[in-house]
Each structure stands twice: as structure tokens, then as C-alpha cells.
Amino acid sequence: MHVLARATPHPVAMSSGSDASSRHRVFVYGTLKRGFYNHRLLQEREAKFVGNASTREPMRLVLGEYGSPYLMKGEGNTAVPGELWEVDDAGLDALDVLEGVSVGMYERVTLEVQVAGDLQREGGVGEDATAFGYVAGAESIARGVGSAGCETIRAYDLATHERAY
């Protein structure tokens, strides 16, 4: 099992010299998106919405246990849509807890994403960005996530959420 607590380097840190806390870009593609139940975590942590985005590399998005969406690392044939957010250190730690990183449910990885629209503004990231994202972890894979029995989906939307949950 691969555990990523604070040992993960911060290639997406966006701290200004005066901030005690680093800022991190995070790509979300499932229940953390706006309009979904777990989005409250981003709201509670005062995360900043950067823009709609998609994975730069083709990936596979599946529905696992209880209809939860999982990105499969190193697999797939389509860019997966989602949202790009900016969080502080405490927000990143809270996301790791929600995603069960310490028990192998998800693994936090660095992803290349393409941001929709023009973000060339103060604090913007431009068209391409590097962000943390969560993919199926060793424990989830051991439970069958990504196997032939898992449904592959193009995007996680409200219709999929209502059907799966």
C-alpha cells in the first residue's frame, strides 16, 4: 500500500513570500465538484475555484463501490472532465483524509490538466496546469475497483450520481 501523507512534494505550491501556508492546485472529478455532496469540504476550507479542466492524458473513470468514481492510473482513452481548485495545506490534508489516502482507498498523484477558458489574470494558471489528483489506491484495486465488473463512464455528472448512489 502506498501512503502519501506529508511526504508528497509540493510541485504545485503557490505561496507568496508572506503566506505561512502553501497553496496547492487540486483536480476534482467526482463528488467534490460543485453541486455534489462532498463539495462542502472545499467550501469549509475556503478553497478557490480556478476553472473547469480536464486531464491532459487520457484516463479511465470508473464507478466503484457504492457508486464512487475512481480515476484509474495509467489507463484509459479519453480526457476526464472536472474542476481545478486551489487549497491550502490544511485543505490538502482534509482531502487526503476524505479520500482515505492513509488506508489506500485513493492515492494522491500529480496530474497534468488542461484548463478551459482564459485564466491569464491575477493568480491565474493559464491553459495548462499541474495539479494534485486522486486515483484508485491499492486497497480499492484489491477490492475490485477497475476490474471488468466496474462501469466505465465518460464523466461524473448528476444523473450518474443519482443512479449510482
N, C-alpha and C. Protein backbone atom coordinates (compact mmCIF):
# COMPACT_ATOMS: atom_id res chain seq x y z
N MET A 1 0.85 -1.17 0.00
CA MET A 1 0.00 0.00 0.00
C MET A 1 0.89 1.23 0.00
N HIS A 2 0.56 2.19 -0.84
CA HIS A 2 1.34 3.41 -0.97
C HIS A 2 0.64 4.53 -0.22
N VAL A 3 1.30 5.08 0.78
CA VAL A 3 0.69 6.13 1.61
C VAL A 3 1.37 7.45 1.31
N LEU A 4 0.59 8.48 1.04
CA LEU A 4 1.12 9.81 0.75
C LEU A 4 0.62 10.78 1.79
N ALA A 5 1.27 10.90 2.89
CA ALA A 5 0.84 11.87 3.90
C ALA A 5 1.48 13.20 3.55
N ARG A 6 2.40 13.68 4.31
CA ARG A 6 3.07 14.95 4.03
C ARG A 6 4.35 14.73 3.23
N ALA A 7 4.69 13.47 2.91
CA ALA A 7 5.92 13.19 2.19
C ALA A 7 5.84 13.61 0.73
N THR A 8 4.64 13.84 0.21
CA THR A 8 4.47 14.23 -1.18
C THR A 8 5.08 15.60 -1.41
N PRO A 9 5.93 15.74 -2.44
CA PRO A 9 6.47 17.07 -2.73
C PRO A 9 5.35 17.99 -3.18
N HIS A 10 5.58 19.26 -3.10
CA HIS A 10 4.55 20.23 -3.44
C HIS A 10 4.88 20.94 -4.75
N PRO A 11 4.80 20.21 -5.90
CA PRO A 11 5.16 20.84 -7.16
C PRO A 11 4.18 21.92 -7.58
N VAL A 12 3.02 21.96 -6.95
CA VAL A 12 2.01 22.93 -7.34
C VAL A 12 1.81 23.99 -6.27
N ALA A 13 2.74 24.10 -5.35
CA ALA A 13 2.62 25.12 -4.32
C ALA A 13 2.60 26.50 -4.96
N MET A 14 1.75 27.37 -4.43
CA MET A 14 1.60 28.70 -4.99
C MET A 14 1.67 29.73 -3.89
N SER A 15 2.64 29.64 -3.04
CA SER A 15 2.70 30.51 -1.89
C SER A 15 3.38 31.82 -2.24
N SER A 16 2.86 32.91 -1.69
CA SER A 16 3.58 34.17 -1.79
C SER A 16 4.50 34.22 -0.60
N GLY A 17 5.52 34.99 -0.66
CA GLY A 17 6.51 35.02 0.39
C GLY A 17 5.95 35.29 1.77
N SER A 18 4.81 35.96 1.88
CA SER A 18 4.28 36.34 3.18
C SER A 18 3.34 35.31 3.78
N ASP A 19 2.89 34.34 2.99
CA ASP A 19 1.96 33.34 3.50
C ASP A 19 2.70 32.26 4.27
N ALA A 20 2.17 31.87 5.41
CA ALA A 20 2.75 30.77 6.18
C ALA A 20 2.31 29.43 5.60
N SER A 21 1.22 29.43 4.87
CA SER A 21 0.65 28.21 4.31
C SER A 21 0.85 28.19 2.80
N SER A 22 1.19 27.03 2.26
CA SER A 22 1.33 26.88 0.81
C SER A 22 -0.05 26.70 0.19
N ARG A 23 -0.15 27.03 -1.08
CA ARG A 23 -1.37 26.82 -1.85
C ARG A 23 -1.10 25.70 -2.83
N HIS A 24 -2.13 24.86 -3.07
CA HIS A 24 -1.98 23.70 -3.93
C HIS A 24 -3.16 23.63 -4.89
N ARG A 25 -2.89 23.32 -6.13
CA ARG A 25 -3.95 23.09 -7.10
C ARG A 25 -4.38 21.63 -6.99
N VAL A 26 -5.70 21.42 -7.03
CA VAL A 26 -6.26 20.07 -6.93
C VAL A 26 -7.31 19.91 -8.02
N PHE A 27 -7.20 18.83 -8.78
CA PHE A 27 -8.18 18.48 -9.81
C PHE A 27 -9.19 17.53 -9.19
N VAL A 28 -10.48 17.89 -9.26
CA VAL A 28 -11.56 17.04 -8.75
C VAL A 28 -12.48 16.66 -9.90
N TYR A 29 -12.99 15.44 -9.87
CA TYR A 29 -13.77 14.91 -10.99
C TYR A 29 -15.05 14.21 -10.56
N GLY A 30 -15.31 14.15 -9.25
CA GLY A 30 -16.46 13.40 -8.75
C GLY A 30 -17.25 14.17 -7.73
N THR A 31 -17.41 13.60 -6.54
CA THR A 31 -18.29 14.17 -5.52
C THR A 31 -17.75 15.43 -4.87
N LEU A 32 -16.55 15.85 -5.21
CA LEU A 32 -16.01 17.13 -4.70
C LEU A 32 -16.37 18.30 -5.62
N LYS A 33 -16.92 18.02 -6.80
CA LYS A 33 -17.29 19.10 -7.71
C LYS A 33 -18.48 19.89 -7.16
N ARG A 34 -18.64 21.09 -7.67
CA ARG A 34 -19.79 21.92 -7.29
C ARG A 34 -21.09 21.17 -7.57
N GLY A 35 -22.02 21.27 -6.61
CA GLY A 35 -23.32 20.61 -6.76
C GLY A 35 -23.38 19.20 -6.20
N PHE A 36 -22.26 18.68 -5.73
CA PHE A 36 -22.22 17.33 -5.17
C PHE A 36 -21.95 17.39 -3.67
N TYR A 37 -22.28 16.31 -2.98
CA TYR A 37 -22.25 16.27 -1.52
C TYR A 37 -20.91 16.64 -0.91
N ASN A 38 -19.82 16.08 -1.38
CA ASN A 38 -18.53 16.33 -0.75
C ASN A 38 -17.92 17.70 -1.09
N HIS A 39 -18.59 18.45 -1.93
CA HIS A 39 -18.10 19.81 -2.25
C HIS A 39 -18.06 20.68 -0.99
N ARG A 40 -18.86 20.33 -0.01
CA ARG A 40 -18.88 21.10 1.25
C ARG A 40 -17.49 21.19 1.87
N LEU A 41 -16.66 20.15 1.67
CA LEU A 41 -15.31 20.19 2.22
C LEU A 41 -14.51 21.33 1.61
N LEU A 42 -14.63 21.53 0.32
CA LEU A 42 -13.93 22.64 -0.33
C LEU A 42 -14.47 23.98 0.15
N GLN A 43 -15.78 24.06 0.33
CA GLN A 43 -16.38 25.30 0.84
C GLN A 43 -15.91 25.59 2.26
N GLU A 44 -15.91 24.58 3.12
CA GLU A 44 -15.49 24.76 4.51
C GLU A 44 -14.03 25.19 4.61
N ARG A 45 -13.22 24.76 3.65
CA ARG A 45 -11.79 25.08 3.65
C ARG A 45 -11.48 26.34 2.85
N GLU A 46 -12.53 27.04 2.42
CA GLU A 46 -12.39 28.28 1.66
C GLU A 46 -11.48 28.10 0.45
N ALA A 47 -11.68 26.98 -0.24
CA ALA A 47 -10.93 26.71 -1.46
C ALA A 47 -11.32 27.72 -2.53
N LYS A 48 -10.42 27.96 -3.45
CA LYS A 48 -10.65 28.92 -4.54
C LYS A 48 -10.85 28.14 -5.84
N PHE A 49 -11.99 28.39 -6.50
CA PHE A 49 -12.26 27.78 -7.81
C PHE A 49 -11.36 28.45 -8.85
N VAL A 50 -10.63 27.63 -9.60
CA VAL A 50 -9.75 28.16 -10.64
C VAL A 50 -10.44 28.08 -11.99
N GLY A 51 -11.07 26.94 -12.28
CA GLY A 51 -11.78 26.81 -13.55
C GLY A 51 -12.12 25.36 -13.85
N ASN A 52 -12.93 25.19 -14.89
CA ASN A 52 -13.21 23.84 -15.38
C ASN A 52 -11.95 23.33 -16.07
N ALA A 53 -11.71 22.04 -15.96
CA ALA A 53 -10.49 21.48 -16.50
C ALA A 53 -10.73 20.02 -16.89
N SER A 54 -9.76 19.44 -17.56
CA SER A 54 -9.79 18.01 -17.88
C SER A 54 -8.37 17.47 -17.82
N THR A 55 -8.27 16.16 -17.62
CA THR A 55 -6.94 15.56 -17.59
C THR A 55 -6.29 15.74 -18.95
N ARG A 56 -5.02 16.01 -18.94
CA ARG A 56 -4.27 16.20 -20.20
C ARG A 56 -4.07 14.85 -20.88
N GLU A 57 -3.75 13.84 -20.09
CA GLU A 57 -3.56 12.48 -20.61
C GLU A 57 -4.88 11.72 -20.55
N PRO A 58 -5.11 10.84 -21.51
CA PRO A 58 -6.30 10.01 -21.44
C PRO A 58 -6.27 9.13 -20.19
N MET A 59 -7.42 9.02 -19.54
CA MET A 59 -7.54 8.19 -18.35
C MET A 59 -8.86 7.44 -18.41
N ARG A 60 -9.05 6.53 -17.48
CA ARG A 60 -10.32 5.79 -17.39
C ARG A 60 -10.98 6.14 -16.07
N LEU A 61 -12.24 6.52 -16.14
CA LEU A 61 -13.05 6.86 -14.98
C LEU A 61 -14.06 5.75 -14.79
N VAL A 62 -14.08 5.17 -13.58
CA VAL A 62 -14.99 4.05 -13.32
C VAL A 62 -15.83 4.34 -12.08
N LEU A 63 -16.94 3.61 -11.99
CA LEU A 63 -17.74 3.63 -10.76
C LEU A 63 -17.35 2.40 -9.96
N GLY A 64 -16.92 2.63 -8.72
CA GLY A 64 -16.52 1.55 -7.85
C GLY A 64 -17.59 1.26 -6.81
N GLU A 65 -17.13 0.83 -5.65
CA GLU A 65 -18.04 0.52 -4.55
C GLU A 65 -18.96 1.70 -4.27
N TYR A 66 -20.23 1.41 -4.05
CA TYR A 66 -21.23 2.41 -3.67
C TYR A 66 -21.38 3.52 -4.71
N GLY A 67 -20.97 3.28 -5.95
CA GLY A 67 -21.10 4.27 -7.00
C GLY A 67 -20.07 5.38 -6.94
N SER A 68 -19.01 5.18 -6.15
CA SER A 68 -17.97 6.20 -6.04
C SER A 68 -17.11 6.22 -7.31
N PRO A 69 -16.79 7.42 -7.82
CA PRO A 69 -15.95 7.50 -9.01
C PRO A 69 -14.47 7.36 -8.67
N TYR A 70 -13.73 6.69 -9.54
CA TYR A 70 -12.30 6.50 -9.39
C TYR A 70 -11.62 6.73 -10.73
N LEU A 71 -10.52 7.46 -10.72
CA LEU A 71 -9.65 7.53 -11.88
C LEU A 71 -8.68 6.37 -11.79
N MET A 72 -8.45 5.70 -12.90
CA MET A 72 -7.51 4.58 -12.93
C MET A 72 -6.18 5.09 -13.49
N LYS A 73 -5.15 4.98 -12.71
CA LYS A 73 -3.81 5.46 -13.07
C LYS A 73 -3.25 4.63 -14.23
N GLY A 74 -2.77 5.34 -15.25
CA GLY A 74 -2.12 4.68 -16.36
C GLY A 74 -3.05 3.94 -17.30
N GLU A 75 -4.34 4.20 -17.25
CA GLU A 75 -5.31 3.53 -18.11
C GLU A 75 -6.20 4.56 -18.77
N GLY A 76 -6.80 4.18 -19.88
CA GLY A 76 -7.86 4.99 -20.43
C GLY A 76 -7.62 5.47 -21.84
N ASN A 77 -8.69 6.05 -22.40
CA ASN A 77 -8.61 6.52 -23.77
C ASN A 77 -9.30 7.86 -23.98
N THR A 78 -9.63 8.56 -22.89
CA THR A 78 -10.29 9.85 -23.03
C THR A 78 -9.88 10.79 -21.89
N ALA A 79 -9.86 12.08 -22.20
CA ALA A 79 -9.61 13.07 -21.15
C ALA A 79 -10.83 13.09 -20.22
N VAL A 80 -10.59 13.18 -18.94
CA VAL A 80 -11.68 13.17 -17.96
C VAL A 80 -11.94 14.60 -17.52
N PRO A 81 -13.19 15.07 -17.62
CA PRO A 81 -13.52 16.43 -17.20
C PRO A 81 -13.67 16.56 -15.69
N GLY A 82 -13.40 17.76 -15.20
CA GLY A 82 -13.55 18.04 -13.78
C GLY A 82 -13.37 19.51 -13.51
N GLU A 83 -12.94 19.82 -12.31
CA GLU A 83 -12.73 21.21 -11.88
C GLU A 83 -11.36 21.34 -11.23
N LEU A 84 -10.77 22.51 -11.38
CA LEU A 84 -9.49 22.81 -10.76
C LEU A 84 -9.73 23.77 -9.60
N TRP A 85 -9.23 23.41 -8.42
CA TRP A 85 -9.39 24.19 -7.21
C TRP A 85 -8.03 24.48 -6.60
N GLU A 86 -7.98 25.49 -5.78
CA GLU A 86 -6.77 25.82 -5.03
C GLU A 86 -7.09 25.71 -3.55
N VAL A 87 -6.26 24.96 -2.82
CA VAL A 87 -6.45 24.77 -1.38
C VAL A 87 -5.14 25.06 -0.65
N ASP A 88 -5.25 25.28 0.65
CA ASP A 88 -4.05 25.47 1.46
C ASP A 88 -3.62 24.10 2.01
N ASP A 89 -2.56 24.11 2.83
CA ASP A 89 -2.04 22.85 3.40
C ASP A 89 -3.11 22.08 4.16
N ALA A 90 -3.89 22.78 4.99
CA ALA A 90 -4.93 22.12 5.78
C ALA A 90 -6.01 21.54 4.86
N GLY A 91 -6.33 22.24 3.79
CA GLY A 91 -7.30 21.73 2.83
C GLY A 91 -6.82 20.47 2.15
N LEU A 92 -5.54 20.45 1.78
CA LEU A 92 -4.96 19.26 1.16
C LEU A 92 -4.98 18.09 2.13
N ASP A 93 -4.64 18.35 3.39
CA ASP A 93 -4.70 17.29 4.40
C ASP A 93 -6.13 16.77 4.57
N ALA A 94 -7.11 17.66 4.56
CA ALA A 94 -8.51 17.25 4.71
C ALA A 94 -8.96 16.40 3.51
N LEU A 95 -8.50 16.76 2.32
CA LEU A 95 -8.82 15.96 1.14
C LEU A 95 -8.21 14.56 1.25
N ASP A 96 -6.96 14.49 1.74
CA ASP A 96 -6.32 13.19 1.92
C ASP A 96 -7.12 12.30 2.87
N VAL A 97 -7.65 12.90 3.94
CA VAL A 97 -8.46 12.14 4.90
C VAL A 97 -9.76 11.68 4.23
N LEU A 98 -10.45 12.58 3.57
CA LEU A 98 -11.71 12.22 2.89
C LEU A 98 -11.49 11.09 1.90
N GLU A 99 -10.41 11.15 1.15
CA GLU A 99 -10.14 10.16 0.11
C GLU A 99 -9.51 8.87 0.65
N GLY A 100 -9.25 8.80 1.94
CA GLY A 100 -8.71 7.58 2.52
C GLY A 100 -7.31 7.25 2.04
N VAL A 101 -6.49 8.26 1.83
CA VAL A 101 -5.14 8.05 1.33
C VAL A 101 -4.34 7.15 2.26
N SER A 102 -4.45 7.36 3.56
CA SER A 102 -3.64 6.60 4.52
C SER A 102 -3.99 5.12 4.57
N VAL A 103 -5.18 4.75 4.08
CA VAL A 103 -5.57 3.35 4.07
C VAL A 103 -5.64 2.77 2.66
N GLY A 104 -5.17 3.52 1.68
CA GLY A 104 -5.05 3.01 0.32
C GLY A 104 -6.29 3.03 -0.53
N MET A 105 -7.34 3.77 -0.09
CA MET A 105 -8.54 3.84 -0.92
C MET A 105 -8.27 4.65 -2.20
N TYR A 106 -7.61 5.78 -2.04
CA TYR A 106 -7.16 6.59 -3.16
C TYR A 106 -5.69 6.90 -2.94
N GLU A 107 -5.02 7.27 -4.01
CA GLU A 107 -3.63 7.70 -3.96
C GLU A 107 -3.57 9.11 -4.54
N ARG A 108 -2.89 10.01 -3.84
CA ARG A 108 -2.72 11.37 -4.38
C ARG A 108 -1.52 11.37 -5.32
N VAL A 109 -1.75 11.83 -6.55
CA VAL A 109 -0.71 11.88 -7.57
C VAL A 109 -0.69 13.27 -8.19
N THR A 110 0.33 13.55 -8.96
CA THR A 110 0.41 14.79 -9.71
C THR A 110 -0.10 14.53 -11.12
N LEU A 111 -1.02 15.37 -11.58
CA LEU A 111 -1.61 15.24 -12.90
C LEU A 111 -1.35 16.51 -13.71
N GLU A 112 -1.28 16.35 -15.01
CA GLU A 112 -1.28 17.49 -15.92
C GLU A 112 -2.72 17.69 -16.36
N VAL A 113 -3.22 18.91 -16.26
CA VAL A 113 -4.59 19.20 -16.66
C VAL A 113 -4.62 20.36 -17.64
N GLN A 114 -5.68 20.40 -18.42
CA GLN A 114 -5.91 21.50 -19.34
C GLN A 114 -7.10 22.28 -18.80
N VAL A 115 -6.89 23.57 -18.58
CA VAL A 115 -7.91 24.43 -18.02
C VAL A 115 -8.69 25.08 -19.15
N ALA A 116 -10.01 25.07 -19.03
CA ALA A 116 -10.88 25.68 -20.04
C ALA A 116 -10.88 27.19 -19.87
N GLY A 117 -10.96 27.89 -20.98
CA GLY A 117 -11.09 29.35 -20.93
C GLY A 117 -9.79 30.08 -20.70
N ASP A 118 -9.88 31.37 -20.61
CA ASP A 118 -8.73 32.25 -20.43
C ASP A 118 -8.55 32.56 -18.96
N LEU A 119 -7.48 32.07 -18.40
CA LEU A 119 -7.22 32.32 -16.99
C LEU A 119 -5.99 33.21 -16.80
N GLN A 120 -5.64 33.99 -17.79
CA GLN A 120 -4.50 34.88 -17.68
C GLN A 120 -4.91 36.13 -16.91
N ARG A 121 -5.09 35.97 -15.62
CA ARG A 121 -5.46 37.07 -14.75
C ARG A 121 -4.65 36.93 -13.47
N GLU A 122 -4.78 37.86 -12.58
CA GLU A 122 -4.04 37.81 -11.33
C GLU A 122 -4.31 36.48 -10.62
N GLY A 123 -3.25 35.73 -10.35
CA GLY A 123 -3.40 34.45 -9.68
C GLY A 123 -3.83 33.33 -10.60
N GLY A 124 -4.07 33.61 -11.87
CA GLY A 124 -4.50 32.58 -12.81
C GLY A 124 -3.37 31.64 -13.15
N VAL A 125 -3.71 30.51 -13.76
CA VAL A 125 -2.70 29.50 -14.04
C VAL A 125 -2.44 29.30 -15.53
N GLY A 126 -3.21 29.93 -16.41
CA GLY A 126 -3.01 29.71 -17.82
C GLY A 126 -3.76 28.48 -18.31
N GLU A 127 -3.49 28.06 -19.55
CA GLU A 127 -4.25 26.98 -20.16
C GLU A 127 -3.87 25.60 -19.64
N ASP A 128 -2.58 25.34 -19.41
CA ASP A 128 -2.14 24.05 -18.88
C ASP A 128 -1.69 24.23 -17.44
N ALA A 129 -1.92 23.23 -16.62
CA ALA A 129 -1.55 23.33 -15.21
C ALA A 129 -1.15 21.95 -14.67
N THR A 130 -0.42 21.98 -13.60
CA THR A 130 -0.09 20.78 -12.85
C THR A 130 -0.92 20.84 -11.57
N ALA A 131 -1.51 19.72 -11.20
CA ALA A 131 -2.37 19.70 -10.02
C ALA A 131 -2.30 18.33 -9.37
N PHE A 132 -2.60 18.30 -8.09
CA PHE A 132 -2.79 17.02 -7.43
C PHE A 132 -4.15 16.47 -7.85
N GLY A 133 -4.24 15.16 -7.89
CA GLY A 133 -5.49 14.48 -8.16
C GLY A 133 -5.48 13.16 -7.43
N TYR A 134 -6.63 12.53 -7.33
CA TYR A 134 -6.75 11.28 -6.59
C TYR A 134 -7.14 10.16 -7.54
N VAL A 135 -6.35 9.08 -7.53
CA VAL A 135 -6.60 7.91 -8.37
C VAL A 135 -6.86 6.71 -7.45
N ALA A 136 -7.39 5.64 -8.03
CA ALA A 136 -7.68 4.44 -7.25
C ALA A 136 -6.41 3.96 -6.55
N GLY A 137 -6.52 3.73 -5.25
CA GLY A 137 -5.40 3.25 -4.45
C GLY A 137 -5.36 1.74 -4.39
N ALA A 138 -4.30 1.22 -3.79
CA ALA A 138 -4.06 -0.22 -3.73
C ALA A 138 -5.21 -0.98 -3.07
N GLU A 139 -5.77 -0.45 -1.99
CA GLU A 139 -6.87 -1.13 -1.30
C GLU A 139 -8.12 -1.18 -2.18
N SER A 140 -8.42 -0.11 -2.87
CA SER A 140 -9.59 -0.09 -3.76
C SER A 140 -9.40 -1.07 -4.91
N ILE A 141 -8.21 -1.10 -5.47
CA ILE A 141 -7.93 -2.03 -6.57
C ILE A 141 -8.06 -3.47 -6.07
N ALA A 142 -7.58 -3.75 -4.86
CA ALA A 142 -7.71 -5.09 -4.28
C ALA A 142 -9.17 -5.48 -4.09
N ARG A 143 -10.03 -4.49 -3.89
CA ARG A 143 -11.47 -4.75 -3.72
C ARG A 143 -12.20 -4.85 -5.06
N GLY A 144 -11.48 -4.70 -6.17
CA GLY A 144 -12.08 -4.88 -7.50
C GLY A 144 -12.33 -3.61 -8.28
N VAL A 145 -11.97 -2.45 -7.74
CA VAL A 145 -12.15 -1.21 -8.49
C VAL A 145 -11.28 -1.28 -9.75
N GLY A 146 -11.90 -1.00 -10.87
CA GLY A 146 -11.20 -1.03 -12.15
C GLY A 146 -11.28 -2.37 -12.86
N SER A 147 -11.85 -3.38 -12.20
CA SER A 147 -11.97 -4.71 -12.82
C SER A 147 -13.07 -4.68 -13.89
N ALA A 148 -13.21 -5.79 -14.56
CA ALA A 148 -14.19 -5.90 -15.64
C ALA A 148 -15.62 -5.60 -15.16
N GLY A 149 -15.90 -5.82 -13.87
CA GLY A 149 -17.24 -5.57 -13.35
C GLY A 149 -17.56 -4.11 -13.09
N CYS A 150 -16.57 -3.24 -13.17
CA CYS A 150 -16.79 -1.81 -12.92
C CYS A 150 -17.24 -1.10 -14.19
N GLU A 151 -18.22 -0.26 -14.04
CA GLU A 151 -18.71 0.51 -15.17
C GLU A 151 -17.74 1.66 -15.46
N THR A 152 -17.35 1.79 -16.73
CA THR A 152 -16.54 2.92 -17.17
C THR A 152 -17.48 4.02 -17.62
N ILE A 153 -17.22 5.24 -17.16
CA ILE A 153 -18.07 6.38 -17.53
C ILE A 153 -17.21 7.47 -18.15
N ARG A 154 -17.82 8.33 -18.92
CA ARG A 154 -17.11 9.45 -19.57
C ARG A 154 -16.87 10.58 -18.59
N ALA A 155 -17.87 10.86 -17.75
CA ALA A 155 -17.79 11.96 -16.78
C ALA A 155 -18.72 11.63 -15.62
N TYR A 156 -18.42 12.19 -14.47
CA TYR A 156 -19.28 12.01 -13.31
C TYR A 156 -20.20 13.22 -13.25
N ASP A 157 -21.50 12.99 -13.52
CA ASP A 157 -22.47 14.08 -13.54
C ASP A 157 -23.61 13.75 -12.57
N LEU A 158 -24.56 14.66 -12.45
CA LEU A 158 -25.66 14.46 -11.50
C LEU A 158 -26.51 13.23 -11.83
N ALA A 159 -26.72 12.97 -13.11
CA ALA A 159 -27.50 11.78 -13.49
C ALA A 159 -26.80 10.51 -13.05
N THR A 160 -25.49 10.45 -13.24
CA THR A 160 -24.71 9.28 -12.81
C THR A 160 -24.76 9.16 -11.29
N HIS A 161 -24.61 10.28 -10.61
CA HIS A 161 -24.62 10.32 -9.16
C HIS A 161 -25.96 9.78 -8.61
N GLU A 162 -27.06 10.28 -9.16
CA GLU A 162 -28.39 9.85 -8.69
C GLU A 162 -28.62 8.38 -8.97
N ARG A 163 -28.16 7.88 -10.10
CA ARG A 163 -28.33 6.48 -10.46
C ARG A 163 -27.45 5.58 -9.58
N ALA A 164 -26.23 6.01 -9.29
CA ALA A 164 -25.25 5.18 -8.59
C ALA A 164 -25.43 5.19 -7.07
N TYR A 165 -25.88 6.31 -6.51
CA TYR A 165 -25.96 6.40 -5.05
C TYR A 165 -27.27 5.90 -4.54
